[in-house]
Amino acid sequence: AGVTVHSDRGSQFRSRRFRRALRHFGLRGSMGRVGACADNAAMENWFSLLQKNVLNQQQWTTRDELRLAIVYWIEARYHRCRRQRRLGKLTPIEFETIMKDPACLAG
């Protein structure tokens, strides 16, 4: 409930069949604006990193194996290494280390 599927304006995403599938699974459709080619750029970049670093690394025998590999990559690699503008170009680990109270670090 409450999940939004955002897509570009491709014909496959505007089709009756796709919209019916969205309704069937209780999802809400969302499309980028006409002529706004950068709408999906951030997610396309993220998925290309996921594909390069996880999906293309080996053949996965089960969905659970792939799911664990994706979760591991997100939590152990991507979030820990990615510098974030909101954190002053620091990684989340660097930010937490700097922002922690020195008394907490001593304990």
N, C-alpha and C. Protein backbone atom coordinates (compact mmCIF):
# COMPACT_ATOMS: atom_id res chain seq x y z
N ALA A 1 0.85 -1.19 0.00
CA ALA A 1 0.00 0.00 0.00
C ALA A 1 0.88 1.24 0.00
N GLY A 2 0.50 2.22 -0.80
CA GLY A 2 1.23 3.48 -0.83
C GLY A 2 2.46 3.47 -1.71
N VAL A 3 2.70 2.40 -2.46
CA VAL A 3 3.88 2.34 -3.32
C VAL A 3 3.58 3.03 -4.65
N THR A 4 4.50 3.88 -5.07
CA THR A 4 4.38 4.58 -6.34
C THR A 4 5.43 4.05 -7.31
N VAL A 5 5.00 3.72 -8.52
CA VAL A 5 5.90 3.25 -9.57
C VAL A 5 6.11 4.41 -10.52
N HIS A 6 7.33 4.97 -10.52
CA HIS A 6 7.63 6.12 -11.37
C HIS A 6 8.31 5.63 -12.64
N SER A 7 7.88 6.15 -13.77
CA SER A 7 8.47 5.73 -15.05
C SER A 7 8.58 6.93 -15.98
N ASP A 8 9.24 6.68 -17.11
CA ASP A 8 9.24 7.69 -18.15
C ASP A 8 7.93 7.56 -18.93
N ARG A 9 7.81 8.25 -20.04
CA ARG A 9 6.55 8.25 -20.77
C ARG A 9 6.53 7.23 -21.89
N GLY A 10 7.30 6.15 -21.75
CA GLY A 10 7.34 5.10 -22.76
C GLY A 10 5.97 4.46 -22.95
N SER A 11 5.72 4.00 -24.18
CA SER A 11 4.40 3.45 -24.50
C SER A 11 4.07 2.23 -23.65
N GLN A 12 5.08 1.45 -23.24
CA GLN A 12 4.79 0.28 -22.42
C GLN A 12 4.22 0.67 -21.06
N PHE A 13 4.61 1.86 -20.55
CA PHE A 13 4.11 2.30 -19.25
C PHE A 13 2.77 3.01 -19.35
N ARG A 14 2.36 3.37 -20.56
CA ARG A 14 1.06 4.02 -20.76
C ARG A 14 0.00 3.03 -21.21
N SER A 15 0.41 1.79 -21.47
CA SER A 15 -0.53 0.80 -22.00
C SER A 15 -1.61 0.43 -20.99
N ARG A 16 -2.74 -0.01 -21.51
CA ARG A 16 -3.83 -0.47 -20.64
C ARG A 16 -3.38 -1.65 -19.78
N ARG A 17 -2.62 -2.53 -20.39
CA ARG A 17 -2.17 -3.74 -19.68
C ARG A 17 -1.32 -3.36 -18.45
N PHE A 18 -0.41 -2.42 -18.61
CA PHE A 18 0.44 -2.00 -17.51
C PHE A 18 -0.38 -1.30 -16.43
N ARG A 19 -1.27 -0.40 -16.84
CA ARG A 19 -2.11 0.31 -15.86
C ARG A 19 -3.01 -0.66 -15.11
N ARG A 20 -3.52 -1.68 -15.81
CA ARG A 20 -4.34 -2.71 -15.17
C ARG A 20 -3.51 -3.47 -14.12
N ALA A 21 -2.27 -3.80 -14.46
CA ALA A 21 -1.38 -4.50 -13.52
C ALA A 21 -1.11 -3.64 -12.29
N LEU A 22 -0.91 -2.35 -12.49
CA LEU A 22 -0.73 -1.46 -11.34
C LEU A 22 -1.93 -1.51 -10.41
N ARG A 23 -3.12 -1.39 -10.99
CA ARG A 23 -4.35 -1.45 -10.18
C ARG A 23 -4.48 -2.78 -9.47
N HIS A 24 -4.20 -3.87 -10.20
CA HIS A 24 -4.33 -5.22 -9.63
C HIS A 24 -3.45 -5.39 -8.38
N PHE A 25 -2.24 -4.82 -8.41
CA PHE A 25 -1.32 -4.98 -7.28
C PHE A 25 -1.39 -3.82 -6.28
N GLY A 26 -2.35 -2.91 -6.48
CA GLY A 26 -2.53 -1.81 -5.54
C GLY A 26 -1.43 -0.77 -5.59
N LEU A 27 -0.84 -0.58 -6.76
CA LEU A 27 0.24 0.39 -6.93
C LEU A 27 -0.28 1.65 -7.61
N ARG A 28 0.43 2.74 -7.42
CA ARG A 28 0.06 4.01 -8.03
C ARG A 28 1.10 4.35 -9.10
N GLY A 29 0.65 4.69 -10.27
CA GLY A 29 1.56 5.05 -11.35
C GLY A 29 1.93 6.52 -11.31
N SER A 30 3.13 6.83 -11.75
CA SER A 30 3.61 8.20 -11.82
C SER A 30 4.51 8.30 -13.04
N MET A 31 4.39 9.39 -13.78
CA MET A 31 5.22 9.58 -14.97
C MET A 31 5.92 10.92 -14.92
N GLY A 32 7.10 10.94 -15.53
CA GLY A 32 7.85 12.19 -15.63
C GLY A 32 7.15 13.16 -16.57
N ARG A 33 7.56 14.39 -16.52
CA ARG A 33 7.00 15.42 -17.37
C ARG A 33 7.49 15.24 -18.81
N VAL A 34 6.73 15.72 -19.74
CA VAL A 34 7.14 15.68 -21.14
C VAL A 34 8.37 16.56 -21.31
N GLY A 35 9.39 16.03 -21.97
CA GLY A 35 10.60 16.80 -22.24
C GLY A 35 11.55 16.94 -21.08
N ALA A 36 11.28 16.27 -19.95
CA ALA A 36 12.17 16.35 -18.79
C ALA A 36 13.02 15.08 -18.72
N CYS A 37 14.04 15.06 -19.56
CA CYS A 37 14.83 13.83 -19.70
C CYS A 37 15.62 13.49 -18.44
N ALA A 38 15.85 14.43 -17.55
CA ALA A 38 16.63 14.17 -16.35
C ALA A 38 15.80 13.61 -15.20
N ASP A 39 14.48 13.49 -15.38
CA ASP A 39 13.62 13.01 -14.31
C ASP A 39 14.10 11.70 -13.69
N ASN A 40 14.48 10.76 -14.53
CA ASN A 40 14.85 9.44 -14.03
C ASN A 40 16.36 9.24 -13.94
N ALA A 41 17.14 10.27 -14.16
CA ALA A 41 18.60 10.12 -14.24
C ALA A 41 19.20 9.55 -12.96
N ALA A 42 18.75 10.01 -11.81
CA ALA A 42 19.33 9.51 -10.56
C ALA A 42 19.06 8.02 -10.37
N MET A 43 17.84 7.58 -10.63
CA MET A 43 17.53 6.16 -10.46
C MET A 43 18.19 5.32 -11.54
N GLU A 44 18.29 5.83 -12.75
CA GLU A 44 18.97 5.08 -13.80
C GLU A 44 20.44 4.89 -13.44
N ASN A 45 21.06 5.91 -12.86
CA ASN A 45 22.44 5.80 -12.42
C ASN A 45 22.57 4.76 -11.31
N TRP A 46 21.66 4.80 -10.34
CA TRP A 46 21.71 3.85 -9.23
C TRP A 46 21.54 2.42 -9.73
N PHE A 47 20.57 2.20 -10.61
CA PHE A 47 20.36 0.85 -11.13
C PHE A 47 21.53 0.38 -11.98
N SER A 48 22.21 1.28 -12.68
CA SER A 48 23.38 0.85 -13.45
C SER A 48 24.50 0.42 -12.51
N LEU A 49 24.66 1.12 -11.38
CA LEU A 49 25.65 0.70 -10.39
C LEU A 49 25.29 -0.66 -9.80
N LEU A 50 24.02 -0.86 -9.48
CA LEU A 50 23.56 -2.15 -8.95
C LEU A 50 23.84 -3.26 -9.96
N GLN A 51 23.53 -3.01 -11.19
CA GLN A 51 23.74 -4.03 -12.22
C GLN A 51 25.22 -4.36 -12.36
N LYS A 52 26.06 -3.33 -12.41
CA LYS A 52 27.50 -3.55 -12.58
C LYS A 52 28.11 -4.26 -11.37
N ASN A 53 27.70 -3.87 -10.16
CA ASN A 53 28.34 -4.37 -8.94
C ASN A 53 27.73 -5.64 -8.36
N VAL A 54 26.50 -5.97 -8.75
CA VAL A 54 25.86 -7.16 -8.18
C VAL A 54 25.34 -8.09 -9.28
N LEU A 55 24.41 -7.60 -10.08
CA LEU A 55 23.71 -8.47 -11.01
C LEU A 55 24.62 -9.12 -12.03
N ASN A 56 25.60 -8.40 -12.54
CA ASN A 56 26.47 -8.94 -13.58
C ASN A 56 27.68 -9.69 -13.03
N GLN A 57 27.78 -9.86 -11.73
CA GLN A 57 28.96 -10.49 -11.15
C GLN A 57 28.94 -12.02 -11.25
N GLN A 58 27.76 -12.61 -11.27
CA GLN A 58 27.65 -14.06 -11.33
C GLN A 58 26.22 -14.45 -11.68
N GLN A 59 26.00 -15.73 -11.91
CA GLN A 59 24.64 -16.25 -12.10
C GLN A 59 24.08 -16.56 -10.72
N TRP A 60 22.91 -16.09 -10.44
CA TRP A 60 22.30 -16.30 -9.13
C TRP A 60 21.36 -17.50 -9.23
N THR A 61 21.48 -18.44 -8.29
CA THR A 61 20.68 -19.67 -8.37
C THR A 61 19.29 -19.50 -7.79
N THR A 62 19.14 -18.61 -6.79
CA THR A 62 17.81 -18.40 -6.19
C THR A 62 17.56 -16.90 -6.01
N ARG A 63 16.30 -16.56 -5.90
CA ARG A 63 15.94 -15.16 -5.63
C ARG A 63 16.46 -14.73 -4.27
N ASP A 64 16.41 -15.62 -3.28
CA ASP A 64 16.90 -15.28 -1.95
C ASP A 64 18.39 -14.96 -1.96
N GLU A 65 19.15 -15.72 -2.72
CA GLU A 65 20.58 -15.47 -2.83
C GLU A 65 20.83 -14.09 -3.45
N LEU A 66 20.10 -13.78 -4.49
CA LEU A 66 20.24 -12.47 -5.13
C LEU A 66 19.79 -11.36 -4.20
N ARG A 67 18.67 -11.57 -3.50
CA ARG A 67 18.16 -10.56 -2.57
C ARG A 67 19.19 -10.25 -1.49
N LEU A 68 19.82 -11.28 -0.93
CA LEU A 68 20.84 -11.06 0.10
C LEU A 68 22.05 -10.32 -0.47
N ALA A 69 22.44 -10.66 -1.70
CA ALA A 69 23.56 -9.98 -2.33
C ALA A 69 23.24 -8.50 -2.54
N ILE A 70 22.02 -8.19 -2.95
CA ILE A 70 21.61 -6.80 -3.16
C ILE A 70 21.60 -6.04 -1.84
N VAL A 71 21.00 -6.63 -0.81
CA VAL A 71 20.94 -5.98 0.50
C VAL A 71 22.35 -5.75 1.03
N TYR A 72 23.22 -6.74 0.90
CA TYR A 72 24.60 -6.60 1.36
C TYR A 72 25.28 -5.45 0.62
N TRP A 73 25.14 -5.40 -0.70
CA TRP A 73 25.78 -4.36 -1.48
C TRP A 73 25.28 -2.98 -1.06
N ILE A 74 23.97 -2.84 -0.88
CA ILE A 74 23.41 -1.54 -0.49
C ILE A 74 23.93 -1.12 0.87
N GLU A 75 23.85 -2.02 1.86
CA GLU A 75 24.20 -1.67 3.23
C GLU A 75 25.70 -1.61 3.48
N ALA A 76 26.46 -2.55 2.93
CA ALA A 76 27.88 -2.63 3.25
C ALA A 76 28.77 -1.85 2.28
N ARG A 77 28.33 -1.65 1.08
CA ARG A 77 29.17 -0.98 0.09
C ARG A 77 28.62 0.40 -0.28
N TYR A 78 27.42 0.42 -0.85
CA TYR A 78 26.89 1.65 -1.42
C TYR A 78 26.70 2.75 -0.36
N HIS A 79 25.95 2.46 0.71
CA HIS A 79 25.67 3.48 1.71
C HIS A 79 26.92 3.91 2.47
N ARG A 80 27.84 3.00 2.67
CA ARG A 80 29.03 3.33 3.45
C ARG A 80 30.07 4.11 2.66
N CYS A 81 30.08 3.96 1.34
CA CYS A 81 31.12 4.58 0.52
C CYS A 81 30.67 5.81 -0.24
N ARG A 82 29.38 5.97 -0.41
CA ARG A 82 28.86 7.05 -1.24
C ARG A 82 28.88 8.38 -0.50
N ARG A 83 29.54 9.35 -1.07
CA ARG A 83 29.56 10.69 -0.48
C ARG A 83 28.23 11.37 -0.78
N GLN A 84 27.68 12.04 0.22
CA GLN A 84 26.36 12.64 0.07
C GLN A 84 26.42 14.15 0.25
N ARG A 85 25.80 14.84 -0.66
CA ARG A 85 25.80 16.31 -0.64
C ARG A 85 25.20 16.83 0.66
N ARG A 86 24.12 16.22 1.12
CA ARG A 86 23.46 16.69 2.35
C ARG A 86 24.34 16.54 3.58
N LEU A 87 25.33 15.65 3.50
CA LEU A 87 26.23 15.43 4.63
C LEU A 87 27.56 16.16 4.44
N GLY A 88 27.57 17.18 3.60
CA GLY A 88 28.78 17.94 3.36
C GLY A 88 29.83 17.15 2.60
N LYS A 89 29.37 16.34 1.66
CA LYS A 89 30.25 15.50 0.82
C LYS A 89 31.00 14.44 1.64
N LEU A 90 30.44 14.06 2.79
CA LEU A 90 31.01 12.99 3.60
C LEU A 90 30.22 11.71 3.36
N THR A 91 30.84 10.57 3.63
CA THR A 91 30.09 9.32 3.61
C THR A 91 29.28 9.26 4.90
N PRO A 92 28.22 8.44 4.96
CA PRO A 92 27.47 8.33 6.21
C PRO A 92 28.34 7.92 7.41
N ILE A 93 29.31 7.04 7.19
CA ILE A 93 30.20 6.61 8.28
C ILE A 93 31.06 7.78 8.76
N GLU A 94 31.63 8.55 7.83
CA GLU A 94 32.43 9.71 8.22
C GLU A 94 31.58 10.72 8.99
N PHE A 95 30.37 10.96 8.50
CA PHE A 95 29.48 11.91 9.15
C PHE A 95 29.14 11.47 10.57
N GLU A 96 28.78 10.19 10.74
CA GLU A 96 28.45 9.69 12.08
C GLU A 96 29.64 9.78 13.02
N THR A 97 30.82 9.50 12.53
CA THR A 97 32.02 9.56 13.36
C THR A 97 32.29 10.97 13.82
N ILE A 98 32.15 11.94 12.93
CA ILE A 98 32.38 13.34 13.27
C ILE A 98 31.32 13.87 14.23
N MET A 99 30.06 13.49 13.99
CA MET A 99 28.94 14.05 14.75
C MET A 99 28.71 13.38 16.11
N LYS A 100 29.32 12.22 16.32
CA LYS A 100 29.12 11.55 17.62
C LYS A 100 29.74 12.36 18.75
N ASP A 101 29.06 12.33 19.87
CA ASP A 101 29.55 12.99 21.07
C ASP A 101 30.82 12.26 21.52
N PRO A 102 31.91 12.99 21.83
CA PRO A 102 33.15 12.33 22.26
C PRO A 102 32.95 11.42 23.48
N ALA A 103 31.99 11.74 24.34
CA ALA A 103 31.72 10.90 25.50
C ALA A 103 31.18 9.53 25.06
N CYS A 104 30.41 9.50 23.99
CA CYS A 104 29.88 8.23 23.47
C CYS A 104 31.02 7.39 22.91
N LEU A 105 31.98 8.04 22.25
CA LEU A 105 33.09 7.29 21.66
C LEU A 105 33.98 6.68 22.73
N ALA A 106 34.10 7.34 23.89
CA ALA A 106 34.95 6.84 24.97
C ALA A 106 34.32 5.64 25.67
N GLY A 107 33.00 5.55 25.63
CA GLY A 107 32.28 4.52 26.38
C GLY A 107 32.39 3.21 25.75
